[in-house]
Amino acid sequence: MILYTTMPLETVLQGLEDLQPSYLEMEVSGARVVIEETSLGQGRIVRLLSTDPQDYLNPALQPGMTINFIPSGS
């Protein structure tokens, strides 16, 4: 990507490193998945961690699907 601007690069990229997504690993429908938390109690499946081939055929577990979960911790 080429960015044409008269602004200093530090100003353009300021705060970009603060936008790191938070990933959680949890079990959904009996399979381990990695989700990216999009809001409180809701997330998007990023990765499926399973050795069972049937889990990869489950449309509810495909990456990009939005799921609801109960956040743990404080």
PDB file of N, CA and C in Angstrom:
ATOM      1  N   MET A   1       0.840  -1.167   0.000  1.00  0.00           N
ATOM      2  CA  MET A   1       0.000   0.000   0.000  1.00  0.00           C
ATOM      3  C   MET A   1       0.887   1.232   0.000  1.00  0.00           C
ATOM      4  N   ILE A   2       0.565   2.196  -0.813  1.00  0.00           N
ATOM      5  CA  ILE A   2       1.292   3.455  -0.873  1.00  0.00           C
ATOM      6  C   ILE A   2       0.401   4.533  -0.285  1.00  0.00           C
ATOM      7  N   LEU A   3       0.965   5.298   0.628  1.00  0.00           N
ATOM      8  CA  LEU A   3       0.214   6.350   1.295  1.00  0.00           C
ATOM      9  C   LEU A   3       0.864   7.682   0.968  1.00  0.00           C
ATOM     10  N   TYR A   4       0.165   8.521   0.240  1.00  0.00           N
ATOM     11  CA  TYR A   4       0.657   9.849  -0.115  1.00  0.00           C
ATOM     12  C   TYR A   4       0.072  10.855   0.868  1.00  0.00           C
ATOM     13  N   THR A   5       0.928  11.487   1.662  1.00  0.00           N
ATOM     14  CA  THR A   5       0.467  12.458   2.635  1.00  0.00           C
ATOM     15  C   THR A   5       1.582  13.442   2.946  1.00  0.00           C
ATOM     16  N   THR A   6       1.194  14.622   3.370  1.00  0.00           N
ATOM     17  CA  THR A   6       2.178  15.615   3.800  1.00  0.00           C
ATOM     18  C   THR A   6       2.416  15.547   5.295  1.00  0.00           C
ATOM     19  N   MET A   7       1.631  14.722   5.975  1.00  0.00           N
ATOM     20  CA  MET A   7       1.774  14.579   7.422  1.00  0.00           C
ATOM     21  C   MET A   7       2.960  13.669   7.736  1.00  0.00           C
ATOM     22  N   PRO A   8       3.609  13.874   8.880  1.00  0.00           N
ATOM     23  CA  PRO A   8       4.707  12.981   9.270  1.00  0.00           C
ATOM     24  C   PRO A   8       4.191  11.557   9.495  1.00  0.00           C
ATOM     25  N   LEU A   9       5.027  10.589   9.176  1.00  0.00           N
ATOM     26  CA  LEU A   9       4.643   9.189   9.305  1.00  0.00           C
ATOM     27  C   LEU A   9       4.255   8.843  10.742  1.00  0.00           C
ATOM     28  N   GLU A  10       4.926   9.424  11.723  1.00  0.00           N
ATOM     29  CA  GLU A  10       4.625   9.155  13.138  1.00  0.00           C
ATOM     30  C   GLU A  10       3.198   9.578  13.481  1.00  0.00           C
ATOM     31  N   THR A  11       2.737  10.664  12.876  1.00  0.00           N
ATOM     32  CA  THR A  11       1.376  11.139  13.128  1.00  0.00           C
ATOM     33  C   THR A  11       0.345  10.225  12.481  1.00  0.00           C
ATOM     34  N   VAL A  12       0.642   9.773  11.284  1.00  0.00           N
ATOM     35  CA  VAL A  12      -0.295   8.907  10.564  1.00  0.00           C
ATOM     36  C   VAL A  12      -0.446   7.562  11.274  1.00  0.00           C
ATOM     37  N   LEU A  13       0.648   7.003  11.753  1.00  0.00           N
ATOM     38  CA  LEU A  13       0.621   5.675  12.363  1.00  0.00           C
ATOM     39  C   LEU A  13       0.442   5.700  13.876  1.00  0.00           C
ATOM     40  N   GLN A  14       0.212   6.872  14.442  1.00  0.00           N
ATOM     41  CA  GLN A  14       0.062   6.996  15.887  1.00  0.00           C
ATOM     42  C   GLN A  14      -1.130   6.194  16.389  1.00  0.00           C
ATOM     43  N   GLY A  15      -0.921   5.382  17.409  1.00  0.00           N
ATOM     44  CA  GLY A  15      -1.981   4.581  18.010  1.00  0.00           C
ATOM     45  C   GLY A  15      -2.242   3.272  17.315  1.00  0.00           C
ATOM     46  N   LEU A  16      -1.568   2.995  16.209  1.00  0.00           N
ATOM     47  CA  LEU A  16      -1.799   1.755  15.475  1.00  0.00           C
ATOM     48  C   LEU A  16      -1.394   0.528  16.277  1.00  0.00           C
ATOM     49  N   GLU A  17      -0.331   0.645  17.065  1.00  0.00           N
ATOM     50  CA  GLU A  17       0.116  -0.511  17.850  1.00  0.00           C
ATOM     51  C   GLU A  17      -0.816  -0.823  19.017  1.00  0.00           C
ATOM     52  N   ASP A  18      -1.698   0.103  19.368  1.00  0.00           N
ATOM     53  CA  ASP A  18      -2.655  -0.120  20.459  1.00  0.00           C
ATOM     54  C   ASP A  18      -3.873  -0.915  20.012  1.00  0.00           C
ATOM     55  N   LEU A  19      -3.995  -1.186  18.730  1.00  0.00           N
ATOM     56  CA  LEU A  19      -5.167  -1.868  18.198  1.00  0.00           C
ATOM     57  C   LEU A  19      -4.984  -3.375  18.077  1.00  0.00           C
ATOM     58  N   GLN A  20      -4.195  -3.971  18.942  1.00  0.00           N
ATOM     59  CA  GLN A  20      -3.973  -5.410  18.903  1.00  0.00           C
ATOM     60  C   GLN A  20      -5.228  -6.133  19.386  1.00  0.00           C
ATOM     61  N   PRO A  21      -5.751  -7.064  18.598  1.00  0.00           N
ATOM     62  CA  PRO A  21      -6.954  -7.790  19.024  1.00  0.00           C
ATOM     63  C   PRO A  21      -6.637  -8.765  20.161  1.00  0.00           C
ATOM     64  N   SER A  22      -7.635  -9.032  20.971  1.00  0.00           N
ATOM     65  CA  SER A  22      -7.460 -10.002  22.046  1.00  0.00           C
ATOM     66  C   SER A  22      -8.068 -11.332  21.598  1.00  0.00           C
ATOM     67  N   TYR A  23      -7.293 -12.380  21.703  1.00  0.00           N
ATOM     68  CA  TYR A  23      -7.727 -13.705  21.295  1.00  0.00           C
ATOM     69  C   TYR A  23      -7.966 -14.573  22.524  1.00  0.00           C
ATOM     70  N   LEU A  24      -9.005 -15.383  22.468  1.00  0.00           N
ATOM     71  CA  LEU A  24      -9.329 -16.323  23.529  1.00  0.00           C
ATOM     72  C   LEU A  24      -9.423 -17.714  22.932  1.00  0.00           C
ATOM     73  N   GLU A  25      -8.959 -18.695  23.682  1.00  0.00           N
ATOM     74  CA  GLU A  25      -9.095 -20.091  23.266  1.00  0.00           C
ATOM     75  C   GLU A  25     -10.160 -20.713  24.153  1.00  0.00           C
ATOM     76  N   MET A  26     -11.185 -21.276  23.532  1.00  0.00           N
ATOM     77  CA  MET A  26     -12.259 -21.875  24.309  1.00  0.00           C
ATOM     78  C   MET A  26     -12.862 -23.052  23.558  1.00  0.00           C
ATOM     79  N   GLU A  27     -13.751 -23.753  24.229  1.00  0.00           N
ATOM     80  CA  GLU A  27     -14.406 -24.913  23.633  1.00  0.00           C
ATOM     81  C   GLU A  27     -15.826 -24.532  23.215  1.00  0.00           C
ATOM     82  N   VAL A  28     -16.136 -24.807  21.945  1.00  0.00           N
ATOM     83  CA  VAL A  28     -17.460 -24.535  21.394  1.00  0.00           C
ATOM     84  C   VAL A  28     -17.944 -25.801  20.712  1.00  0.00           C
ATOM     85  N   SER A  29     -19.086 -26.289  21.108  1.00  0.00           N
ATOM     86  CA  SER A  29     -19.672 -27.508  20.530  1.00  0.00           C
ATOM     87  C   SER A  29     -18.710 -28.692  20.587  1.00  0.00           C
ATOM     88  N   GLY A  30     -17.936 -28.776  21.640  1.00  0.00           N
ATOM     89  CA  GLY A  30     -17.015 -29.896  21.826  1.00  0.00           C
ATOM     90  C   GLY A  30     -15.699 -29.762  21.088  1.00  0.00           C
ATOM     91  N   ALA A  31     -15.434 -28.634  20.437  1.00  0.00           N
ATOM     92  CA  ALA A  31     -14.184 -28.431  19.698  1.00  0.00           C
ATOM     93  C   ALA A  31     -13.496 -27.164  20.209  1.00  0.00           C
ATOM     94  N   ARG A  32     -12.161 -27.196  20.243  1.00  0.00           N
ATOM     95  CA  ARG A  32     -11.393 -26.028  20.666  1.00  0.00           C
ATOM     96  C   ARG A  32     -11.299 -25.041  19.512  1.00  0.00           C
ATOM     97  N   VAL A  33     -11.587 -23.773  19.798  1.00  0.00           N
ATOM     98  CA  VAL A  33     -11.498 -22.716  18.794  1.00  0.00           C
ATOM     99  C   VAL A  33     -10.771 -21.515  19.389  1.00  0.00           C
ATOM    100  N   VAL A  34     -10.197 -20.714  18.529  1.00  0.00           N
ATOM    101  CA  VAL A  34      -9.610 -19.437  18.920  1.00  0.00           C
ATOM    102  C   VAL A  34     -10.562 -18.372  18.412  1.00  0.00           C
ATOM    103  N   ILE A  35     -10.997 -17.491  19.320  1.00  0.00           N
ATOM    104  CA  ILE A  35     -11.926 -16.446  18.929  1.00  0.00           C
ATOM    105  C   ILE A  35     -11.314 -15.075  19.204  1.00  0.00           C
ATOM    106  N   GLU A  36     -11.727 -14.113  18.423  1.00  0.00           N
ATOM    107  CA  GLU A  36     -11.354 -12.718  18.622  1.00  0.00           C
ATOM    108  C   GLU A  36     -12.559 -12.026  19.233  1.00  0.00           C
ATOM    109  N   GLU A  37     -12.373 -11.469  20.411  1.00  0.00           N
ATOM    110  CA  GLU A  37     -13.487 -10.829  21.100  1.00  0.00           C
ATOM    111  C   GLU A  37     -13.843  -9.528  20.393  1.00  0.00           C
ATOM    112  N   THR A  38     -15.083  -9.420  19.921  1.00  0.00           N
ATOM    113  CA  THR A  38     -15.534  -8.224  19.217  1.00  0.00           C
ATOM    114  C   THR A  38     -16.296  -7.280  20.140  1.00  0.00           C
ATOM    115  N   SER A  39     -17.012  -7.827  21.089  1.00  0.00           N
ATOM    116  CA  SER A  39     -17.697  -7.037  22.102  1.00  0.00           C
ATOM    117  C   SER A  39     -17.859  -7.926  23.328  1.00  0.00           C
ATOM    118  N   LEU A  40     -18.418  -7.381  24.379  1.00  0.00           N
ATOM    119  CA  LEU A  40     -18.578  -8.140  25.613  1.00  0.00           C
ATOM    120  C   LEU A  40     -19.549  -9.288  25.386  1.00  0.00           C
ATOM    121  N   GLY A  41     -19.056 -10.519  25.496  1.00  0.00           N
ATOM    122  CA  GLY A  41     -19.904 -11.683  25.332  1.00  0.00           C
ATOM    123  C   GLY A  41     -20.099 -12.130  23.905  1.00  0.00           C
ATOM    124  N   GLN A  42     -19.395 -11.523  22.971  1.00  0.00           N
ATOM    125  CA  GLN A  42     -19.533 -11.907  21.571  1.00  0.00           C
ATOM    126  C   GLN A  42     -18.159 -11.909  20.910  1.00  0.00           C
ATOM    127  N   GLY A  43     -17.947 -12.879  20.029  1.00  0.00           N
ATOM    128  CA  GLY A  43     -16.660 -12.978  19.355  1.00  0.00           C
ATOM    129  C   GLY A  43     -16.790 -13.620  17.994  1.00  0.00           C
ATOM    130  N   ARG A  44     -15.694 -13.556  17.245  1.00  0.00           N
ATOM    131  CA  ARG A  44     -15.636 -14.106  15.891  1.00  0.00           C
ATOM    132  C   ARG A  44     -14.609 -15.229  15.881  1.00  0.00           C
ATOM    133  N   ILE A  45     -14.976 -16.382  15.337  1.00  0.00           N
ATOM    134  CA  ILE A  45     -14.057 -17.520  15.271  1.00  0.00           C
ATOM    135  C   ILE A  45     -12.939 -17.188  14.294  1.00  0.00           C
ATOM    136  N   VAL A  46     -11.710 -17.341  14.769  1.00  0.00           N
ATOM    137  CA  VAL A  46     -10.538 -17.062  13.957  1.00  0.00           C
ATOM    138  C   VAL A  46      -9.894 -18.356  13.479  1.00  0.00           C
ATOM    139  N   ARG A  47      -9.909 -19.361  14.339  1.00  0.00           N
ATOM    140  CA  ARG A  47      -9.192 -20.602  14.035  1.00  0.00           C
ATOM    141  C   ARG A  47      -9.840 -21.777  14.751  1.00  0.00           C
ATOM    142  N   LEU A  48      -9.840 -22.905  14.096  1.00  0.00           N
ATOM    143  CA  LEU A  48     -10.366 -24.136  14.679  1.00  0.00           C
ATOM    144  C   LEU A  48      -9.189 -25.029  15.036  1.00  0.00           C
ATOM    145  N   LEU A  49      -9.116 -25.463  16.300  1.00  0.00           N
ATOM    146  CA  LEU A  49      -8.034 -26.320  16.778  1.00  0.00           C
ATOM    147  C   LEU A  49      -8.605 -27.693  17.091  1.00  0.00           C
ATOM    148  N   SER A  50      -8.643 -28.559  16.115  1.00  0.00           N
ATOM    149  CA  SER A  50      -9.229 -29.868  16.308  1.00  0.00           C
ATOM    150  C   SER A  50      -8.516 -30.894  15.443  1.00  0.00           C
ATOM    151  N   THR A  51      -8.510 -32.130  15.918  1.00  0.00           N
ATOM    152  CA  THR A  51      -7.952 -33.224  15.124  1.00  0.00           C
ATOM    153  C   THR A  51      -9.051 -34.066  14.498  1.00  0.00           C
ATOM    154  N   ASP A  52     -10.296 -33.721  14.803  1.00  0.00           N
ATOM    155  CA  ASP A  52     -11.428 -34.459  14.259  1.00  0.00           C
ATOM    156  C   ASP A  52     -11.859 -33.835  12.931  1.00  0.00           C
ATOM    157  N   PRO A  53     -11.778 -34.556  11.829  1.00  0.00           N
ATOM    158  CA  PRO A  53     -12.167 -33.999  10.530  1.00  0.00           C
ATOM    159  C   PRO A  53     -13.637 -33.561  10.472  1.00  0.00           C
ATOM    160  N   GLN A  54     -14.506 -34.174  11.258  1.00  0.00           N
ATOM    161  CA  GLN A  54     -15.922 -33.798  11.261  1.00  0.00           C
ATOM    162  C   GLN A  54     -16.126 -32.369  11.779  1.00  0.00           C
ATOM    163  N   ASP A  55     -15.250 -31.905  12.665  1.00  0.00           N
ATOM    164  CA  ASP A  55     -15.369 -30.535  13.177  1.00  0.00           C
ATOM    165  C   ASP A  55     -15.175 -29.510  12.069  1.00  0.00           C
ATOM    166  N   TYR A  56     -14.327 -29.822  11.103  1.00  0.00           N
ATOM    167  CA  TYR A  56     -14.064 -28.894  10.001  1.00  0.00           C
ATOM    168  C   TYR A  56     -15.226 -28.837   9.009  1.00  0.00           C
ATOM    169  N   LEU A  57     -16.111 -29.831   9.056  1.00  0.00           N
ATOM    170  CA  LEU A  57     -17.286 -29.838   8.199  1.00  0.00           C
ATOM    171  C   LEU A  57     -18.495 -29.169   8.854  1.00  0.00           C
ATOM    172  N   ASN A  58     -18.374 -28.814  10.114  1.00  0.00           N
ATOM    173  CA  ASN A  58     -19.455 -28.171  10.854  1.00  0.00           C
ATOM    174  C   ASN A  58     -19.498 -26.679  10.481  1.00  0.00           C
ATOM    175  N   PRO A  59     -20.568 -26.212   9.829  1.00  0.00           N
ATOM    176  CA  PRO A  59     -20.628 -24.805   9.417  1.00  0.00           C
ATOM    177  C   PRO A  59     -20.662 -23.822  10.587  1.00  0.00           C
ATOM    178  N   ALA A  60     -21.063 -24.279  11.762  1.00  0.00           N
ATOM    179  CA  ALA A  60     -21.110 -23.397  12.932  1.00  0.00           C
ATOM    180  C   ALA A  60     -19.711 -23.100  13.475  1.00  0.00           C
ATOM    181  N   LEU A  61     -18.711 -23.879  13.066  1.00  0.00           N
ATOM    182  CA  LEU A  61     -17.355 -23.700  13.576  1.00  0.00           C
ATOM    183  C   LEU A  61     -16.406 -23.097  12.553  1.00  0.00           C
ATOM    184  N   GLN A  62     -16.915 -22.677  11.419  1.00  0.00           N
ATOM    185  CA  GLN A  62     -16.008 -22.148  10.402  1.00  0.00           C
ATOM    186  C   GLN A  62     -15.531 -20.746  10.779  1.00  0.00           C
ATOM    187  N   PRO A  63     -14.300 -20.393  10.406  1.00  0.00           N
ATOM    188  CA  PRO A  63     -13.766 -19.063  10.719  1.00  0.00           C
ATOM    189  C   PRO A  63     -14.640 -17.960  10.138  1.00  0.00           C
ATOM    190  N   GLY A  64     -14.822 -16.924  10.940  1.00  0.00           N
ATOM    191  CA  GLY A  64     -15.662 -15.802  10.544  1.00  0.00           C
ATOM    192  C   GLY A  64     -17.037 -15.828  11.188  1.00  0.00           C
ATOM    193  N   MET A  65     -17.439 -16.983  11.704  1.00  0.00           N
ATOM    194  CA  MET A  65     -18.748 -17.085  12.346  1.00  0.00           C
ATOM    195  C   MET A  65     -18.725 -16.336  13.680  1.00  0.00           C
ATOM    196  N   THR A  66     -19.814 -15.664  13.984  1.00  0.00           N
ATOM    197  CA  THR A  66     -19.947 -14.939  15.244  1.00  0.00           C
ATOM    198  C   THR A  66     -20.626 -15.849  16.258  1.00  0.00           C
ATOM    199  N   ILE A  67     -20.050 -15.888  17.464  1.00  0.00           N
ATOM    200  CA  ILE A  67     -20.623 -16.707  18.530  1.00  0.00           C
ATOM    201  C   ILE A  67     -20.800 -15.854  19.773  1.00  0.00           C
ATOM    202  N   ASN A  68     -21.707 -16.270  20.627  1.00  0.00           N
ATOM    203  CA  ASN A  68     -21.911 -15.652  21.929  1.00  0.00           C
ATOM    204  C   ASN A  68     -21.283 -16.557  22.975  1.00  0.00           C
ATOM    205  N   PHE A  69     -20.666 -15.948  23.967  1.00  0.00           N
ATOM    206  CA  PHE A  69     -20.040 -16.722  25.035  1.00  0.00           C
ATOM    207  C   PHE A  69     -20.130 -15.943  26.330  1.00  0.00           C
ATOM    208  N   ILE A  70     -19.902 -16.645  27.435  1.00  0.00           N
ATOM    209  CA  ILE A  70     -19.895 -16.020  28.744  1.00  0.00           C
ATOM    210  C   ILE A  70     -18.446 -15.766  29.113  1.00  0.00           C
ATOM    211  N   PRO A  71     -18.031 -14.490  29.234  1.00  0.00           N
ATOM    212  CA  PRO A  71     -16.637 -14.210  29.564  1.00  0.00           C
ATOM    213  C   PRO A  71     -16.290 -14.717  30.949  1.00  0.00           C
ATOM    214  N   SER A  72     -15.119 -15.299  31.056  1.00  0.00           N
ATOM    215  CA  SER A  72     -14.647 -15.786  32.362  1.00  0.00           C
ATOM    216  C   SER A  72     -13.621 -14.819  32.906  1.00  0.00           C
ATOM    217  N   GLY A  73     -13.347 -14.946  34.173  1.00  0.00           N
ATOM    218  CA  GLY A  73     -12.354 -14.068  34.801  1.00  0.00           C
ATOM    219  C   GLY A  73     -13.037 -13.001  35.624  1.00  0.00           C
ATOM    220  N   SER A  74     -12.354 -11.882  35.761  1.00  0.00           N
ATOM    221  CA  SER A  74     -12.891 -10.803  36.577  1.00  0.00           C
ATOM    222  C   SER A  74     -13.924 -10.073  35.789  1.00  0.00           C
TER     223      SER A  74
END
